[in-house]
Amino acid sequence: MKAMLLTKFGGPEVLQPGELPEPVPGEHDLLVEVHACSINPVDFKMRRGAFGKGRTLPYALGFDVSGVVRAVGVSVKAFKVGDEVYASPTFTRHGANAELVCVDARTAALKPANLDYVQAAALPLVTLSAWESLYDRGRIEAGQTVLIHAGGGGVGHIAIQLARLRGCRVLTTAGRPESIGLCRSLGADVVINYHEEDFAQRVMRETSGRGCDAILDCVGFETLDKSLPCVAPNGQVMTVVGGAAGALRELFVRNATLHCVFMAAPTLYGINPERQGRTLAAAARLVESGKLRVHVGRVLGLAELPEAHRLIESGHTTGKIVLRVK
């Protein structure tokens, strides 16, 4: 089958067209004909060498997929050939930058009926990350104040909507007119342009010095460190980036909790993979009822994967970049 392959670790130019054997579904797998896939920061991080230890190259990246089921494993009961599905493929085998991909059926769901394949492919990884962060870890509740960093990005723009659906007041950061406009259109109560003002000072003013009940960090490193003094007593901080936090004392004195949310963990370690399937099924219902929407900022062809990597690596994208495969 045709695929775009990571031939060696390096810049976008190492992504080259090639061929892979057609994958054979295992006991719990779906073999999915890829109609669309999308990219996330983890793609360019892996291209540079992250999670590269022991990985055999060439390798197909791509951890979002929407498409049609072409075969099912012997233990799969919830899906059949011909079903239209969406999922986030595991990091441990070839991803969706190819004509076919295998995904664990327990992590998949029927794609939202009102979305095409391109729109559906933008949802899985970012929705799983935002959902686990805010609902499963942060356990946000109505009346709370939530700070979401990079609200115009993939995880951020879904997180704004999930927080609003729980009745929270949402503060978010953004740095470009397009991102600021998107955040406002999604219902953010306060959008802070981090190029023009200190977000931490603004957050403390907006919360009368108390801080936020929950903070979702989608940036890491300095942004995460600077966010910790902004958490309220007994608050929750979630990071989907894994950047180092050098000011943990700020959490200690506030009796607050830091959660590291790595959405690949369920399939990587075999820990309740069915939770991801349930989350995507619930998200599909929200999409179909008009309560959750996805923003696709750019659509490219699979052969344009190197350009897609350059765009997302620049940090100047809004929403998701999707690759049309079929």
Protein backbone atom coordinates (compact mmCIF):
# COMPACT_ATOMS: atom_id res chain seq x y z
CA MET A 1 0.00 0.00 0.00
CA LYS A 2 1.07 3.60 -0.55
CA ALA A 3 2.22 5.61 2.46
CA MET A 4 4.21 8.68 3.46
CA LEU A 5 7.12 7.37 5.47
CA LEU A 6 9.52 8.66 8.09
CA THR A 7 12.78 7.47 6.54
CA LYS A 8 15.10 8.85 9.22
CA PHE A 9 14.88 11.35 12.06
CA GLY A 10 15.24 14.98 11.03
CA GLY A 11 13.43 17.80 9.26
CA PRO A 12 10.24 17.61 7.17
CA GLU A 13 12.26 16.52 4.15
CA VAL A 14 12.79 13.05 5.70
CA LEU A 15 9.09 12.32 5.04
CA GLN A 16 9.04 10.48 1.72
CA PRO A 17 6.47 8.52 -0.34
CA GLY A 18 6.90 4.77 -0.22
CA GLU A 19 5.24 1.39 0.12
CA LEU A 20 4.30 -0.71 3.15
CA PRO A 21 2.77 -4.20 3.39
CA GLU A 22 -0.96 -4.07 4.02
CA PRO A 23 -1.56 -4.42 7.76
CA VAL A 24 -3.29 -7.54 9.08
CA PRO A 25 -5.83 -6.90 11.86
CA GLY A 26 -5.20 -8.59 15.18
CA GLU A 27 -7.81 -10.05 17.53
CA HIS A 28 -9.19 -6.69 18.71
CA ASP A 29 -8.41 -4.64 15.60
CA LEU A 30 -10.22 -2.84 12.85
CA LEU A 31 -8.57 -2.57 9.46
CA VAL A 32 -9.52 0.93 8.33
CA GLU A 33 -9.37 2.32 4.80
CA VAL A 34 -8.01 5.80 5.47
CA HIS A 35 -10.07 8.59 3.95
CA ALA A 36 -8.46 11.39 5.98
CA CYS A 37 -5.91 11.83 8.74
CA SER A 38 -4.64 14.86 10.62
CA ILE A 39 -1.42 15.87 12.26
CA ASN A 40 -0.56 16.97 15.78
CA PRO A 41 2.57 18.29 17.49
CA VAL A 42 3.47 14.72 18.45
CA ASP A 43 3.99 13.99 14.74
CA PHE A 44 6.82 16.47 14.29
CA LYS A 45 8.27 15.56 17.69
CA MET A 46 8.43 11.91 16.63
CA ARG A 47 9.88 12.95 13.27
CA ARG A 48 12.69 14.67 15.18
CA GLY A 49 13.34 11.52 17.23
CA ALA A 50 10.99 11.52 20.24
CA PHE A 51 9.82 8.00 21.19
CA GLY A 52 12.37 6.78 18.65
CA LYS A 53 14.19 4.25 20.82
CA GLY A 54 13.76 0.78 19.33
CA ARG A 55 11.56 2.03 16.47
CA THR A 56 12.15 0.44 13.08
CA LEU A 57 12.28 2.78 10.10
CA PRO A 58 10.72 3.49 7.67
CA TYR A 59 7.62 4.25 9.72
CA ALA A 60 4.24 5.83 8.97
CA LEU A 61 3.22 8.58 11.39
CA GLY A 62 -0.34 9.86 11.77
CA PHE A 63 -2.37 9.52 14.95
CA ASP A 64 -5.80 10.67 13.81
CA VAL A 65 -7.89 8.78 11.29
CA SER A 66 -11.35 8.64 9.81
CA GLY A 67 -12.35 6.07 7.26
CA VAL A 68 -14.22 2.87 6.48
CA VAL A 69 -13.83 -0.51 8.17
CA ARG A 70 -12.53 -3.10 5.67
CA ALA A 71 -11.94 -6.02 8.06
CA VAL A 72 -12.42 -6.83 11.76
CA GLY A 73 -10.52 -8.98 14.24
CA VAL A 74 -12.03 -12.21 15.55
CA SER A 75 -13.03 -10.70 18.89
CA VAL A 76 -14.59 -7.51 17.51
CA LYS A 77 -18.35 -7.37 18.01
CA ALA A 78 -19.15 -3.64 18.05
CA PHE A 79 -18.18 -2.89 14.43
CA LYS A 80 -18.70 -4.43 11.02
CA VAL A 81 -17.24 -4.07 7.56
CA GLY A 82 -18.49 -0.84 5.96
CA ASP A 83 -18.81 1.15 9.20
CA GLU A 84 -17.54 4.73 9.07
CA VAL A 85 -15.27 5.23 12.08
CA TYR A 86 -12.79 7.60 13.65
CA ALA A 87 -9.97 6.90 16.10
CA SER A 88 -6.47 7.75 17.25
CA PRO A 89 -4.04 4.97 16.17
CA THR A 90 -1.51 3.76 18.71
CA PHE A 91 2.10 4.98 18.72
CA THR A 92 3.40 1.40 18.74
CA ARG A 93 2.74 0.55 15.07
CA HIS A 94 2.26 2.28 11.74
CA GLY A 95 -0.08 5.26 11.82
CA ALA A 96 -2.60 6.73 9.40
CA ASN A 97 -0.26 8.43 6.89
CA ALA A 98 -1.11 5.52 4.61
CA GLU A 99 -3.93 3.96 2.61
CA LEU A 100 -4.78 1.47 5.39
CA VAL A 101 -4.23 1.41 9.14
CA CYS A 102 -5.07 -0.96 11.97
CA VAL A 103 -6.62 0.48 15.13
CA ASP A 104 -7.75 -1.19 18.33
CA ALA A 105 -11.54 -1.41 17.98
CA ARG A 106 -11.93 -0.62 21.67
CA THR A 107 -10.47 2.85 21.07
CA ALA A 108 -12.64 3.65 18.03
CA ALA A 109 -16.17 4.98 17.54
CA LEU A 110 -18.58 5.56 14.70
CA LYS A 111 -17.70 8.94 13.22
CA PRO A 112 -20.19 11.78 13.81
CA ALA A 113 -22.87 11.35 11.15
CA ASN A 114 -22.97 15.07 10.35
CA LEU A 115 -19.23 15.38 9.64
CA ASP A 116 -17.34 14.41 6.51
CA TYR A 117 -14.14 12.40 6.76
CA VAL A 118 -11.92 15.48 6.74
CA GLN A 119 -13.73 17.08 9.68
CA ALA A 120 -13.92 13.81 11.62
CA ALA A 121 -10.19 13.18 11.20
CA ALA A 122 -9.45 16.42 13.05
CA LEU A 123 -11.14 15.30 16.24
CA PRO A 124 -9.79 12.12 17.90
CA LEU A 125 -6.43 12.94 19.51
CA VAL A 126 -7.30 16.48 20.59
CA THR A 127 -10.70 15.46 21.92
CA LEU A 128 -9.26 12.57 23.90
CA SER A 129 -6.60 14.89 25.36
CA ALA A 130 -9.03 17.68 26.30
CA TRP A 131 -11.68 15.29 27.64
CA GLU A 132 -9.30 13.36 29.88
CA SER A 133 -7.71 16.58 31.10
CA LEU A 134 -10.84 18.51 32.01
CA TYR A 135 -13.43 15.82 32.74
CA ASP A 136 -11.51 12.75 33.94
CA ARG A 137 -8.58 14.43 35.73
CA GLY A 138 -9.68 17.97 36.47
CA ARG A 139 -13.30 16.98 37.16
CA ILE A 140 -14.40 20.51 36.38
CA GLU A 141 -17.81 21.64 37.64
CA ALA A 142 -20.30 24.39 36.92
CA GLY A 143 -19.29 27.74 38.36
CA GLN A 144 -15.57 27.06 38.30
CA THR A 145 -13.03 29.19 36.45
CA VAL A 146 -10.80 27.39 33.94
CA LEU A 147 -7.67 28.70 32.19
CA ILE A 148 -6.89 27.08 28.84
CA HIS A 149 -3.60 27.89 27.14
CA ALA A 150 -3.38 28.09 23.32
CA GLY A 151 -7.14 28.22 22.93
CA GLY A 152 -6.88 28.52 19.15
CA GLY A 153 -4.92 25.28 18.82
CA GLY A 154 -6.13 21.72 18.37
CA VAL A 155 -6.58 20.69 22.01
CA GLY A 156 -7.37 24.23 23.15
CA HIS A 157 -10.32 24.91 20.87
CA ILE A 158 -11.99 21.64 21.89
CA ALA A 159 -11.21 22.29 25.56
CA ILE A 160 -12.91 25.71 25.50
CA GLN A 161 -16.12 24.07 24.34
CA LEU A 162 -15.94 21.20 26.85
CA ALA A 163 -15.41 23.65 29.70
CA ARG A 164 -18.34 25.80 28.56
CA LEU A 165 -20.55 22.70 28.35
CA ARG A 166 -19.83 22.08 32.04
CA GLY A 167 -20.88 25.62 32.92
CA CYS A 168 -17.40 26.96 33.63
CA ARG A 169 -16.07 30.46 33.14
CA VAL A 170 -13.30 30.14 30.55
CA LEU A 171 -10.12 32.22 30.33
CA THR A 172 -7.80 31.43 27.45
CA THR A 173 -4.58 32.65 25.88
CA ALA A 174 -3.95 33.27 22.18
CA GLY A 175 -1.51 35.34 20.15
CA ARG A 176 -2.84 35.91 16.64
CA PRO A 177 -6.01 37.63 15.39
CA GLU A 178 -7.31 34.39 13.84
CA SER A 179 -6.79 32.46 17.08
CA ILE A 180 -8.29 35.22 19.21
CA GLY A 181 -11.34 35.36 16.95
CA LEU A 182 -11.78 31.57 17.08
CA CYS A 183 -11.58 31.54 20.89
CA ARG A 184 -14.25 34.21 21.14
CA SER A 185 -16.51 32.45 18.65
CA LEU A 186 -16.30 29.28 20.77
CA GLY A 187 -17.52 31.11 23.87
CA ALA A 188 -14.36 31.95 25.82
CA ASP A 189 -15.24 34.59 28.41
CA VAL A 190 -11.79 36.21 28.47
CA VAL A 191 -9.19 35.94 25.69
CA ILE A 192 -5.72 37.11 26.72
CA ASN A 193 -3.30 38.15 23.99
CA TYR A 194 -0.05 36.92 25.50
CA HIS A 195 1.97 39.10 23.11
CA GLU A 196 0.43 42.25 24.57
CA GLU A 197 0.12 41.52 28.28
CA ASP A 198 1.35 39.22 31.02
CA PHE A 199 -1.19 36.42 31.14
CA ALA A 200 -0.50 35.56 34.77
CA GLN A 201 -1.17 39.10 35.96
CA ARG A 202 -4.36 39.26 33.90
CA VAL A 203 -5.57 35.91 35.27
CA MET A 204 -5.09 37.05 38.84
CA ARG A 205 -6.96 40.30 38.13
CA GLU A 206 -9.81 38.40 36.48
CA THR A 207 -10.10 36.09 39.48
CA SER A 208 -9.69 38.80 42.16
CA GLY A 209 -6.41 37.24 43.24
CA ARG A 210 -7.84 33.76 43.85
CA GLY A 211 -6.60 32.01 40.72
CA CYS A 212 -8.28 29.38 38.57
CA ASP A 213 -9.88 26.15 39.74
CA ALA A 214 -8.39 24.31 36.76
CA ILE A 215 -5.62 25.10 34.28
CA LEU A 216 -5.02 23.20 31.05
CA ASP A 217 -1.51 23.71 29.67
CA CYS A 218 -1.03 22.99 25.96
CA VAL A 219 2.33 24.77 25.66
CA GLY A 220 4.65 23.54 28.44
CA PHE A 221 7.95 24.72 29.89
CA GLU A 222 7.91 28.47 30.74
CA THR A 223 4.15 28.71 30.20
CA LEU A 224 3.53 25.83 32.59
CA ASP A 225 5.93 27.23 35.19
CA LYS A 226 4.34 30.65 34.97
CA SER A 227 0.86 29.16 35.28
CA LEU A 228 1.39 27.40 38.59
CA PRO A 229 0.98 30.53 40.77
CA CYS A 230 -2.33 31.09 38.94
CA VAL A 231 -4.01 27.98 40.33
CA ALA A 232 -6.53 28.40 43.15
CA PRO A 233 -6.28 26.52 46.45
CA ASN A 234 -7.23 22.85 45.92
CA GLY A 235 -7.01 23.48 42.16
CA GLN A 236 -6.01 21.16 39.35
CA VAL A 237 -3.32 21.72 36.70
CA MET A 238 -3.26 19.49 33.62
CA THR A 239 -0.49 19.45 31.02
CA VAL A 240 -0.70 17.59 27.71
CA VAL A 241 2.84 18.60 26.74
CA GLY A 242 5.07 17.20 29.44
CA GLY A 243 7.28 20.29 29.73
CA ALA A 244 9.31 20.59 32.90
CA ALA A 245 7.73 22.39 35.84
CA GLY A 246 10.34 24.09 38.00
CA ALA A 247 8.05 25.73 40.53
CA LEU A 248 6.22 22.80 42.13
CA ARG A 249 6.37 24.58 45.49
CA GLU A 250 3.62 26.83 44.08
CA LEU A 251 1.37 23.77 43.91
CA PHE A 252 2.36 22.54 47.36
CA VAL A 253 1.42 25.75 49.14
CA ARG A 254 -1.94 25.77 47.34
CA ASN A 255 -2.66 22.09 48.06
CA ALA A 256 -3.06 21.76 44.28
CA THR A 257 -2.50 18.82 41.97
CA LEU A 258 -0.53 18.46 38.72
CA HIS A 259 -1.76 15.90 36.17
CA CYS A 260 0.38 14.79 33.22
CA VAL A 261 -2.04 13.69 30.51
CA PHE A 262 -0.48 11.42 27.86
CA MET A 263 -3.37 10.33 25.67
CA ALA A 264 -1.37 7.47 24.12
CA ALA A 265 -1.02 5.69 27.48
CA PRO A 266 -4.13 3.45 27.22
CA THR A 267 -2.89 1.73 24.06
CA LEU A 268 0.80 2.02 24.90
CA TYR A 269 0.40 0.25 28.24
CA GLY A 270 -2.86 -1.64 27.71
CA ILE A 271 -4.73 0.38 30.36
CA ASN A 272 -8.49 0.49 29.73
CA PRO A 273 -8.33 1.20 25.97
CA GLU A 274 -12.13 1.00 25.87
CA ARG A 275 -12.27 4.32 27.71
CA GLN A 276 -11.10 6.06 24.54
CA GLY A 277 -13.85 4.44 22.52
CA ARG A 278 -16.45 5.59 25.03
CA THR A 279 -15.06 9.12 24.97
CA LEU A 280 -15.16 9.34 21.17
CA ALA A 281 -18.70 7.94 21.12
CA ALA A 282 -19.78 10.59 23.63
CA ALA A 283 -17.99 13.30 21.64
CA ALA A 284 -19.76 12.16 18.47
CA ARG A 285 -23.11 12.64 20.18
CA LEU A 286 -22.12 16.17 21.17
CA VAL A 287 -21.06 16.94 17.61
CA GLU A 288 -24.29 15.54 16.19
CA SER A 289 -26.36 17.63 18.60
CA GLY A 290 -24.48 20.81 17.63
CA LYS A 291 -22.82 21.23 21.04
CA LEU A 292 -19.24 20.58 19.88
CA ARG A 293 -17.56 21.66 16.67
CA VAL A 294 -14.12 21.23 15.18
CA HIS A 295 -12.14 23.89 13.36
CA VAL A 296 -10.15 22.72 10.35
CA GLY A 297 -7.67 25.42 9.44
CA ARG A 298 -6.08 23.80 6.37
CA VAL A 299 -6.67 20.76 4.15
CA LEU A 300 -3.80 19.24 2.18
CA GLY A 301 -3.13 16.04 0.29
CA LEU A 302 -1.16 13.16 1.81
CA ALA A 303 1.77 13.90 -0.52
CA GLU A 304 1.94 17.36 1.07
CA LEU A 305 2.75 15.90 4.49
CA PRO A 306 6.16 17.66 4.71
CA GLU A 307 4.44 21.03 4.20
CA ALA A 308 1.87 20.12 6.86
CA HIS A 309 4.72 19.43 9.28
CA ARG A 310 6.33 22.77 8.46
CA LEU A 311 3.06 24.57 9.12
CA ILE A 312 2.28 22.98 12.46
CA GLU A 313 5.90 23.26 13.58
CA SER A 314 5.78 27.01 12.93
CA GLY A 315 3.22 27.46 15.72
CA HIS A 316 1.18 29.73 13.46
CA THR A 317 -1.75 27.43 12.73
CA THR A 318 -5.31 27.67 13.99
CA GLY A 319 -7.36 24.58 14.70
CA LYS A 320 -6.25 21.42 12.88
CA ILE A 321 -4.42 20.59 9.65
CA VAL A 322 -6.04 17.64 7.87
CA LEU A 323 -4.70 15.46 5.07
CA ARG A 324 -7.16 14.08 2.54
CA VAL A 325 -6.12 10.53 1.62
CA LYS A 326 -9.05 9.19 -0.43
